[in-house]
N, C-alpha and C. Protein backbone atom coordinates (compact mmCIF):
# COMPACT_ATOMS: atom_id res chain seq x y z
N MET A 1 -30.76 9.01 -10.98
CA MET A 1 -29.35 8.93 -11.30
C MET A 1 -28.53 9.81 -10.34
N GLN A 2 -29.08 10.95 -9.93
CA GLN A 2 -28.36 11.87 -9.05
C GLN A 2 -28.00 11.23 -7.71
N PRO A 3 -28.90 10.43 -7.07
CA PRO A 3 -28.49 9.80 -5.81
C PRO A 3 -27.28 8.88 -5.98
N SER A 4 -27.23 8.15 -7.08
CA SER A 4 -26.09 7.26 -7.32
C SER A 4 -24.80 8.05 -7.50
N ILE A 5 -24.89 9.16 -8.21
CA ILE A 5 -23.70 9.99 -8.43
C ILE A 5 -23.19 10.56 -7.12
N SER A 6 -24.12 11.02 -6.27
CA SER A 6 -23.68 11.59 -4.99
C SER A 6 -23.09 10.52 -4.08
N ILE A 7 -23.61 9.29 -4.16
CA ILE A 7 -23.05 8.20 -3.35
C ILE A 7 -21.63 7.89 -3.81
N VAL A 8 -21.40 7.86 -5.12
CA VAL A 8 -20.06 7.59 -5.64
C VAL A 8 -19.10 8.71 -5.27
N GLU A 9 -19.54 9.97 -5.36
CA GLU A 9 -18.69 11.09 -4.97
C GLU A 9 -18.34 11.03 -3.49
N GLU A 10 -19.31 10.67 -2.67
CA GLU A 10 -19.07 10.54 -1.23
C GLU A 10 -18.09 9.40 -0.95
N ALA A 11 -18.22 8.31 -1.68
CA ALA A 11 -17.34 7.15 -1.48
C ALA A 11 -15.91 7.49 -1.85
N GLN A 12 -15.73 8.27 -2.89
CA GLN A 12 -14.37 8.63 -3.30
C GLN A 12 -13.71 9.57 -2.30
N GLY A 13 -14.50 10.30 -1.54
CA GLY A 13 -13.96 11.22 -0.55
C GLY A 13 -13.61 10.56 0.77
N ASN A 14 -14.19 9.40 1.04
CA ASN A 14 -13.93 8.70 2.30
C ASN A 14 -12.73 7.76 2.16
N ALA A 15 -11.85 7.83 3.15
CA ALA A 15 -10.70 6.93 3.14
C ALA A 15 -11.00 5.75 4.07
N ALA A 16 -10.59 4.60 3.66
CA ALA A 16 -10.76 3.40 4.48
C ALA A 16 -9.81 3.49 5.67
N PRO A 17 -10.15 2.82 6.78
CA PRO A 17 -9.23 2.83 7.93
C PRO A 17 -7.83 2.34 7.57
N VAL A 18 -7.73 1.34 6.72
CA VAL A 18 -6.42 0.84 6.33
C VAL A 18 -5.67 1.89 5.50
N GLN A 19 -6.41 2.70 4.74
CA GLN A 19 -5.80 3.78 3.96
C GLN A 19 -5.23 4.85 4.89
N ARG A 20 -5.97 5.21 5.93
CA ARG A 20 -5.48 6.19 6.90
C ARG A 20 -4.23 5.67 7.61
N LEU A 21 -4.22 4.37 7.93
CA LEU A 21 -3.05 3.76 8.57
C LEU A 21 -1.84 3.81 7.64
N ALA A 22 -2.05 3.47 6.37
CA ALA A 22 -0.95 3.49 5.39
C ALA A 22 -0.41 4.91 5.22
N ASP A 23 -1.29 5.91 5.20
CA ASP A 23 -0.84 7.30 5.07
C ASP A 23 -0.05 7.74 6.30
N ALA A 24 -0.49 7.29 7.48
CA ALA A 24 0.21 7.67 8.72
C ALA A 24 1.59 7.03 8.79
N ILE A 25 1.74 5.83 8.28
CA ILE A 25 3.03 5.13 8.32
C ILE A 25 3.95 5.63 7.22
N ALA A 26 3.41 5.94 6.06
CA ALA A 26 4.24 6.28 4.90
C ALA A 26 5.04 7.56 5.11
N GLY A 27 4.49 8.55 5.80
CA GLY A 27 5.19 9.82 6.01
C GLY A 27 6.52 9.64 6.75
N PRO A 28 6.49 9.15 7.99
CA PRO A 28 7.76 8.95 8.70
C PRO A 28 8.65 7.90 8.04
N PHE A 29 8.04 6.93 7.37
CA PHE A 29 8.79 5.87 6.73
C PHE A 29 9.70 6.43 5.64
N VAL A 30 9.21 7.40 4.89
CA VAL A 30 10.00 8.00 3.81
C VAL A 30 11.24 8.67 4.37
N TYR A 31 11.07 9.46 5.43
CA TYR A 31 12.22 10.15 6.03
C TYR A 31 13.23 9.15 6.60
N THR A 32 12.73 8.09 7.21
CA THR A 32 13.62 7.07 7.76
C THR A 32 14.43 6.39 6.67
N ILE A 33 13.79 6.04 5.57
CA ILE A 33 14.49 5.34 4.49
C ILE A 33 15.48 6.24 3.78
N VAL A 34 15.14 7.50 3.57
CA VAL A 34 16.08 8.43 2.94
C VAL A 34 17.29 8.64 3.86
N SER A 35 17.05 8.74 5.15
CA SER A 35 18.16 8.87 6.11
C SER A 35 19.03 7.62 6.11
N LEU A 36 18.39 6.46 6.10
CA LEU A 36 19.13 5.20 6.07
C LEU A 36 19.96 5.08 4.79
N SER A 37 19.43 5.54 3.69
CA SER A 37 20.17 5.53 2.43
C SER A 37 21.38 6.45 2.51
N ALA A 38 21.21 7.63 3.11
CA ALA A 38 22.34 8.56 3.26
C ALA A 38 23.42 7.97 4.18
N VAL A 39 23.00 7.30 5.24
CA VAL A 39 23.95 6.66 6.15
C VAL A 39 24.68 5.52 5.42
N THR A 40 23.96 4.77 4.59
CA THR A 40 24.58 3.70 3.81
C THR A 40 25.65 4.26 2.88
N PHE A 41 25.32 5.36 2.20
CA PHE A 41 26.29 6.00 1.31
C PHE A 41 27.52 6.46 2.09
N ALA A 42 27.30 7.17 3.20
CA ALA A 42 28.42 7.70 3.99
C ALA A 42 29.29 6.57 4.53
N PHE A 43 28.66 5.50 5.04
CA PHE A 43 29.44 4.39 5.58
C PHE A 43 30.33 3.76 4.52
N TRP A 44 29.74 3.41 3.36
CA TRP A 44 30.52 2.71 2.34
C TRP A 44 31.52 3.62 1.65
N TYR A 45 31.28 4.90 1.60
CA TYR A 45 32.23 5.81 0.96
C TYR A 45 33.41 6.14 1.87
N TYR A 46 33.11 6.42 3.14
CA TYR A 46 34.16 6.88 4.06
C TYR A 46 34.79 5.76 4.89
N ILE A 47 34.04 4.72 5.24
CA ILE A 47 34.54 3.71 6.17
C ILE A 47 34.59 2.32 5.54
N GLY A 48 33.48 1.87 4.99
CA GLY A 48 33.34 0.50 4.53
C GLY A 48 34.33 0.08 3.47
N SER A 49 34.61 0.98 2.52
CA SER A 49 35.55 0.62 1.46
C SER A 49 36.98 0.50 1.97
N HIS A 50 37.28 1.12 3.12
CA HIS A 50 38.60 1.00 3.73
C HIS A 50 38.70 -0.23 4.63
N ILE A 51 37.60 -0.55 5.30
CA ILE A 51 37.59 -1.73 6.19
C ILE A 51 37.52 -3.01 5.36
N PHE A 52 36.72 -2.99 4.29
CA PHE A 52 36.53 -4.16 3.42
C PHE A 52 37.01 -3.83 2.00
N PRO A 53 38.31 -3.75 1.77
CA PRO A 53 38.79 -3.35 0.44
C PRO A 53 38.48 -4.38 -0.65
N ASP A 54 38.24 -5.63 -0.26
CA ASP A 54 37.92 -6.64 -1.27
C ASP A 54 36.59 -6.38 -1.97
N VAL A 55 35.72 -5.61 -1.33
CA VAL A 55 34.42 -5.29 -1.94
C VAL A 55 34.62 -4.49 -3.22
N LEU A 56 35.68 -3.69 -3.28
CA LEU A 56 35.93 -2.87 -4.46
C LEU A 56 36.36 -3.70 -5.67
N LEU A 57 36.71 -4.95 -5.44
CA LEU A 57 37.11 -5.81 -6.54
C LEU A 57 35.92 -6.43 -7.27
N ASN A 58 34.71 -6.32 -6.70
CA ASN A 58 33.49 -6.84 -7.33
C ASN A 58 33.06 -5.94 -8.47
N ASP A 59 32.19 -6.45 -9.29
CA ASP A 59 31.66 -5.67 -10.41
C ASP A 59 30.77 -4.52 -9.94
N ILE A 60 30.25 -4.60 -8.74
CA ILE A 60 29.35 -3.56 -8.25
C ILE A 60 30.06 -2.22 -8.12
N ALA A 61 31.37 -2.24 -7.89
CA ALA A 61 32.14 -1.01 -7.74
C ALA A 61 32.66 -0.49 -9.07
N GLY A 62 32.29 -1.12 -10.15
CA GLY A 62 32.75 -0.70 -11.46
C GLY A 62 34.08 -1.33 -11.82
N PRO A 63 34.54 -1.14 -13.05
CA PRO A 63 35.79 -1.78 -13.49
C PRO A 63 37.03 -1.24 -12.77
N ASP A 64 36.95 -0.01 -12.28
CA ASP A 64 38.11 0.59 -11.61
C ASP A 64 38.09 0.41 -10.10
N GLY A 65 37.04 -0.18 -9.55
CA GLY A 65 36.93 -0.33 -8.10
C GLY A 65 36.71 1.00 -7.40
N ASP A 66 35.83 1.80 -7.95
CA ASP A 66 35.58 3.15 -7.43
C ASP A 66 34.67 3.10 -6.20
N PRO A 67 35.12 3.63 -5.05
CA PRO A 67 34.27 3.62 -3.86
C PRO A 67 33.01 4.49 -4.03
N LEU A 68 33.09 5.53 -4.87
CA LEU A 68 31.92 6.37 -5.10
C LEU A 68 30.83 5.58 -5.82
N ALA A 69 31.20 4.81 -6.83
CA ALA A 69 30.22 3.99 -7.56
C ALA A 69 29.59 2.95 -6.63
N LEU A 70 30.43 2.31 -5.80
CA LEU A 70 29.91 1.33 -4.85
C LEU A 70 28.93 1.97 -3.87
N SER A 71 29.31 3.11 -3.33
CA SER A 71 28.47 3.79 -2.34
C SER A 71 27.15 4.23 -2.94
N LEU A 72 27.19 4.78 -4.15
CA LEU A 72 25.96 5.21 -4.82
C LEU A 72 25.04 4.04 -5.11
N LYS A 73 25.60 2.96 -5.60
CA LYS A 73 24.78 1.79 -5.93
C LYS A 73 24.13 1.20 -4.69
N LEU A 74 24.88 1.11 -3.60
CA LEU A 74 24.30 0.56 -2.36
C LEU A 74 23.24 1.49 -1.78
N ALA A 75 23.46 2.81 -1.84
CA ALA A 75 22.47 3.76 -1.34
C ALA A 75 21.18 3.69 -2.15
N VAL A 76 21.32 3.58 -3.47
CA VAL A 76 20.13 3.46 -4.33
C VAL A 76 19.43 2.13 -4.07
N ASP A 77 20.20 1.07 -3.82
CA ASP A 77 19.59 -0.22 -3.49
C ASP A 77 18.71 -0.13 -2.25
N VAL A 78 19.17 0.60 -1.24
CA VAL A 78 18.36 0.78 -0.03
C VAL A 78 17.05 1.48 -0.38
N LEU A 79 17.11 2.50 -1.21
CA LEU A 79 15.89 3.22 -1.61
C LEU A 79 14.94 2.33 -2.39
N VAL A 80 15.47 1.56 -3.31
CA VAL A 80 14.62 0.74 -4.17
C VAL A 80 13.98 -0.40 -3.39
N VAL A 81 14.76 -1.07 -2.56
CA VAL A 81 14.24 -2.22 -1.84
C VAL A 81 13.15 -1.82 -0.85
N SER A 82 13.31 -0.70 -0.22
CA SER A 82 12.34 -0.29 0.80
C SER A 82 11.43 0.83 0.32
N CYS A 83 11.11 0.80 -0.94
CA CYS A 83 10.29 1.85 -1.55
C CYS A 83 8.94 1.98 -0.85
N PRO A 84 8.62 3.17 -0.34
CA PRO A 84 7.32 3.36 0.30
C PRO A 84 6.17 3.43 -0.70
N CYS A 85 6.51 3.41 -1.97
CA CYS A 85 5.46 3.43 -2.99
C CYS A 85 4.55 2.21 -2.83
N ALA A 86 5.15 1.10 -2.47
CA ALA A 86 4.35 -0.11 -2.30
C ALA A 86 3.31 0.08 -1.23
N LEU A 87 3.67 0.75 -0.15
CA LEU A 87 2.74 0.98 0.94
C LEU A 87 1.73 2.07 0.58
N GLY A 88 2.22 3.17 0.02
CA GLY A 88 1.36 4.31 -0.26
C GLY A 88 0.45 4.13 -1.46
N LEU A 89 0.84 3.29 -2.41
CA LEU A 89 0.05 3.12 -3.62
C LEU A 89 -0.77 1.83 -3.64
N ALA A 90 -0.30 0.81 -2.95
CA ALA A 90 -1.00 -0.48 -3.01
C ALA A 90 -2.37 -0.42 -2.36
N THR A 91 -2.50 0.30 -1.25
CA THR A 91 -3.78 0.34 -0.55
C THR A 91 -4.87 1.01 -1.38
N PRO A 92 -4.67 2.23 -1.90
CA PRO A 92 -5.73 2.81 -2.73
C PRO A 92 -5.97 2.03 -4.02
N THR A 93 -4.94 1.42 -4.55
CA THR A 93 -5.11 0.62 -5.76
C THR A 93 -5.99 -0.59 -5.49
N ALA A 94 -5.76 -1.26 -4.37
CA ALA A 94 -6.58 -2.42 -4.02
C ALA A 94 -8.03 -2.01 -3.80
N ILE A 95 -8.25 -0.87 -3.17
CA ILE A 95 -9.62 -0.38 -2.94
C ILE A 95 -10.28 -0.04 -4.28
N LEU A 96 -9.54 0.61 -5.15
CA LEU A 96 -10.07 0.95 -6.47
C LEU A 96 -10.44 -0.29 -7.25
N ILE A 97 -9.59 -1.30 -7.23
CA ILE A 97 -9.87 -2.54 -7.95
C ILE A 97 -11.08 -3.24 -7.36
N GLY A 98 -11.18 -3.27 -6.02
CA GLY A 98 -12.33 -3.92 -5.38
C GLY A 98 -13.64 -3.24 -5.71
N THR A 99 -13.67 -1.92 -5.64
CA THR A 99 -14.91 -1.21 -5.96
C THR A 99 -15.22 -1.29 -7.46
N SER A 100 -14.19 -1.31 -8.31
CA SER A 100 -14.42 -1.43 -9.76
C SER A 100 -14.98 -2.80 -10.12
N LEU A 101 -14.42 -3.85 -9.51
CA LEU A 101 -14.94 -5.20 -9.79
C LEU A 101 -16.38 -5.33 -9.30
N GLY A 102 -16.68 -4.71 -8.16
CA GLY A 102 -18.06 -4.71 -7.68
C GLY A 102 -18.98 -3.97 -8.63
N ALA A 103 -18.52 -2.83 -9.16
CA ALA A 103 -19.34 -2.06 -10.10
C ALA A 103 -19.60 -2.83 -11.39
N LYS A 104 -18.61 -3.59 -11.86
CA LYS A 104 -18.80 -4.39 -13.06
C LYS A 104 -19.86 -5.47 -12.86
N ARG A 105 -20.00 -5.93 -11.63
CA ARG A 105 -20.99 -6.96 -11.32
C ARG A 105 -22.33 -6.36 -10.87
N GLY A 106 -22.40 -5.03 -10.89
CA GLY A 106 -23.65 -4.37 -10.54
C GLY A 106 -23.80 -3.99 -9.08
N TYR A 107 -22.72 -4.03 -8.30
CA TYR A 107 -22.76 -3.66 -6.89
C TYR A 107 -22.16 -2.27 -6.72
N LEU A 108 -22.88 -1.43 -6.01
CA LEU A 108 -22.38 -0.09 -5.72
C LEU A 108 -21.80 -0.12 -4.30
N ILE A 109 -20.49 -0.07 -4.19
CA ILE A 109 -19.82 -0.11 -2.90
C ILE A 109 -19.42 1.31 -2.55
N ARG A 110 -19.83 1.76 -1.38
CA ARG A 110 -19.66 3.16 -1.01
C ARG A 110 -18.23 3.60 -0.77
N GLY A 111 -17.31 2.72 -0.57
CA GLY A 111 -15.93 3.13 -0.35
C GLY A 111 -15.10 2.03 0.28
N GLY A 112 -13.86 2.38 0.58
CA GLY A 112 -12.93 1.42 1.12
C GLY A 112 -13.30 0.90 2.48
N ASP A 113 -13.90 1.75 3.32
CA ASP A 113 -14.29 1.30 4.65
C ASP A 113 -15.38 0.23 4.58
N VAL A 114 -16.31 0.39 3.65
CA VAL A 114 -17.36 -0.61 3.46
C VAL A 114 -16.74 -1.89 2.88
N LEU A 115 -15.86 -1.74 1.94
CA LEU A 115 -15.19 -2.89 1.33
C LEU A 115 -14.40 -3.67 2.38
N GLU A 116 -13.77 -2.94 3.29
CA GLU A 116 -13.00 -3.59 4.35
C GLU A 116 -13.92 -4.36 5.30
N ARG A 117 -15.09 -3.80 5.60
CA ARG A 117 -16.05 -4.50 6.48
C ARG A 117 -16.67 -5.71 5.79
N LEU A 118 -16.74 -5.71 4.47
CA LEU A 118 -17.31 -6.85 3.74
C LEU A 118 -16.50 -8.13 3.96
N ALA A 119 -15.25 -8.00 4.29
CA ALA A 119 -14.41 -9.18 4.49
C ALA A 119 -14.85 -10.01 5.69
N SER A 120 -15.56 -9.41 6.63
CA SER A 120 -15.98 -10.14 7.83
C SER A 120 -17.39 -10.73 7.71
N ILE A 121 -18.04 -10.55 6.58
CA ILE A 121 -19.40 -11.06 6.40
C ILE A 121 -19.35 -12.56 6.10
N ASP A 122 -20.14 -13.32 6.84
CA ASP A 122 -20.23 -14.76 6.63
C ASP A 122 -21.49 -15.15 5.87
N CYS A 123 -22.55 -14.35 6.03
CA CYS A 123 -23.84 -14.73 5.46
C CYS A 123 -24.60 -13.47 5.05
N VAL A 124 -25.32 -13.55 3.95
CA VAL A 124 -26.14 -12.44 3.48
C VAL A 124 -27.57 -12.94 3.36
N ALA A 125 -28.52 -12.19 3.93
CA ALA A 125 -29.93 -12.57 3.86
C ALA A 125 -30.66 -11.63 2.91
N LEU A 126 -31.43 -12.21 2.00
CA LEU A 126 -32.20 -11.46 1.02
C LEU A 126 -33.67 -11.79 1.18
N ASP A 127 -34.54 -10.83 0.85
CA ASP A 127 -35.97 -11.13 0.88
C ASP A 127 -36.37 -11.74 -0.47
N LYS A 128 -37.68 -11.94 -0.69
CA LYS A 128 -38.14 -12.60 -1.92
C LYS A 128 -37.74 -11.84 -3.18
N GLY A 129 -37.66 -10.52 -3.07
CA GLY A 129 -37.28 -9.71 -4.23
C GLY A 129 -35.78 -9.56 -4.40
N LEU A 130 -35.01 -10.34 -3.66
CA LEU A 130 -33.56 -10.31 -3.68
C LEU A 130 -33.00 -8.96 -3.26
N LEU A 131 -33.67 -8.32 -2.29
CA LEU A 131 -33.21 -7.05 -1.76
C LEU A 131 -32.58 -7.27 -0.39
N LEU A 132 -31.54 -6.54 -0.12
CA LEU A 132 -30.91 -6.61 1.19
C LEU A 132 -31.77 -5.85 2.20
N LYS A 133 -31.91 -6.39 3.37
CA LYS A 133 -32.68 -5.73 4.42
C LYS A 133 -31.71 -5.16 5.45
N GLU A 134 -31.99 -3.96 5.95
CA GLU A 134 -31.11 -3.33 6.92
C GLU A 134 -31.25 -3.94 8.30
N ASP A 135 -32.47 -4.23 8.73
CA ASP A 135 -32.68 -4.76 10.07
C ASP A 135 -32.93 -6.26 9.99
N LEU A 136 -31.91 -7.02 10.25
CA LEU A 136 -32.02 -8.47 10.19
C LEU A 136 -31.95 -9.09 11.58
N SER A 137 -32.20 -8.27 12.61
CA SER A 137 -32.05 -8.78 13.98
C SER A 137 -33.07 -9.84 14.31
N SER A 138 -34.24 -9.82 13.64
CA SER A 138 -35.26 -10.81 13.93
C SER A 138 -35.06 -12.10 13.15
N LEU A 139 -34.15 -12.08 12.20
CA LEU A 139 -33.92 -13.26 11.36
C LEU A 139 -32.85 -14.15 11.98
N VAL A 140 -33.19 -15.40 12.15
CA VAL A 140 -32.23 -16.38 12.68
C VAL A 140 -32.06 -17.47 11.64
N LEU A 141 -30.83 -17.69 11.24
CA LEU A 141 -30.56 -18.72 10.25
C LEU A 141 -30.05 -19.95 10.95
N GLY A 142 -30.63 -21.07 10.63
CA GLY A 142 -30.16 -22.33 11.19
C GLY A 142 -29.24 -23.02 10.17
N LEU A 143 -27.96 -22.83 10.33
CA LEU A 143 -27.01 -23.43 9.39
C LEU A 143 -26.36 -24.64 9.97
């Protein structure tokens, strides 16, 4: 039982290549989106509501046509639409679901990097005891 536990602990510590990519993108992405949201607020509060006064007549600006309400709503919209949570949370969630589904079927998957490599497998060769063999270089399948 101890070897299985150590394999699972090791798998949880390893990040898949796609996970490392998502982490590298998510950091700068957050700062960019927060800055873009601040620029959206500043534009619509100081400039946009004066250039396009008809926008204040919509329900988005509230019943009084308040430029502050319009600017806040548009700035929050930028944050919500481009939420980095989707990028930062979807990757580990997908890896967790993939390894969990494998575990339910009796497969011990060492981590996200192994799961990612499984997508490129076209054929699996088993011996008579239904065991996977590591060295299959001598095996040629005629399909």
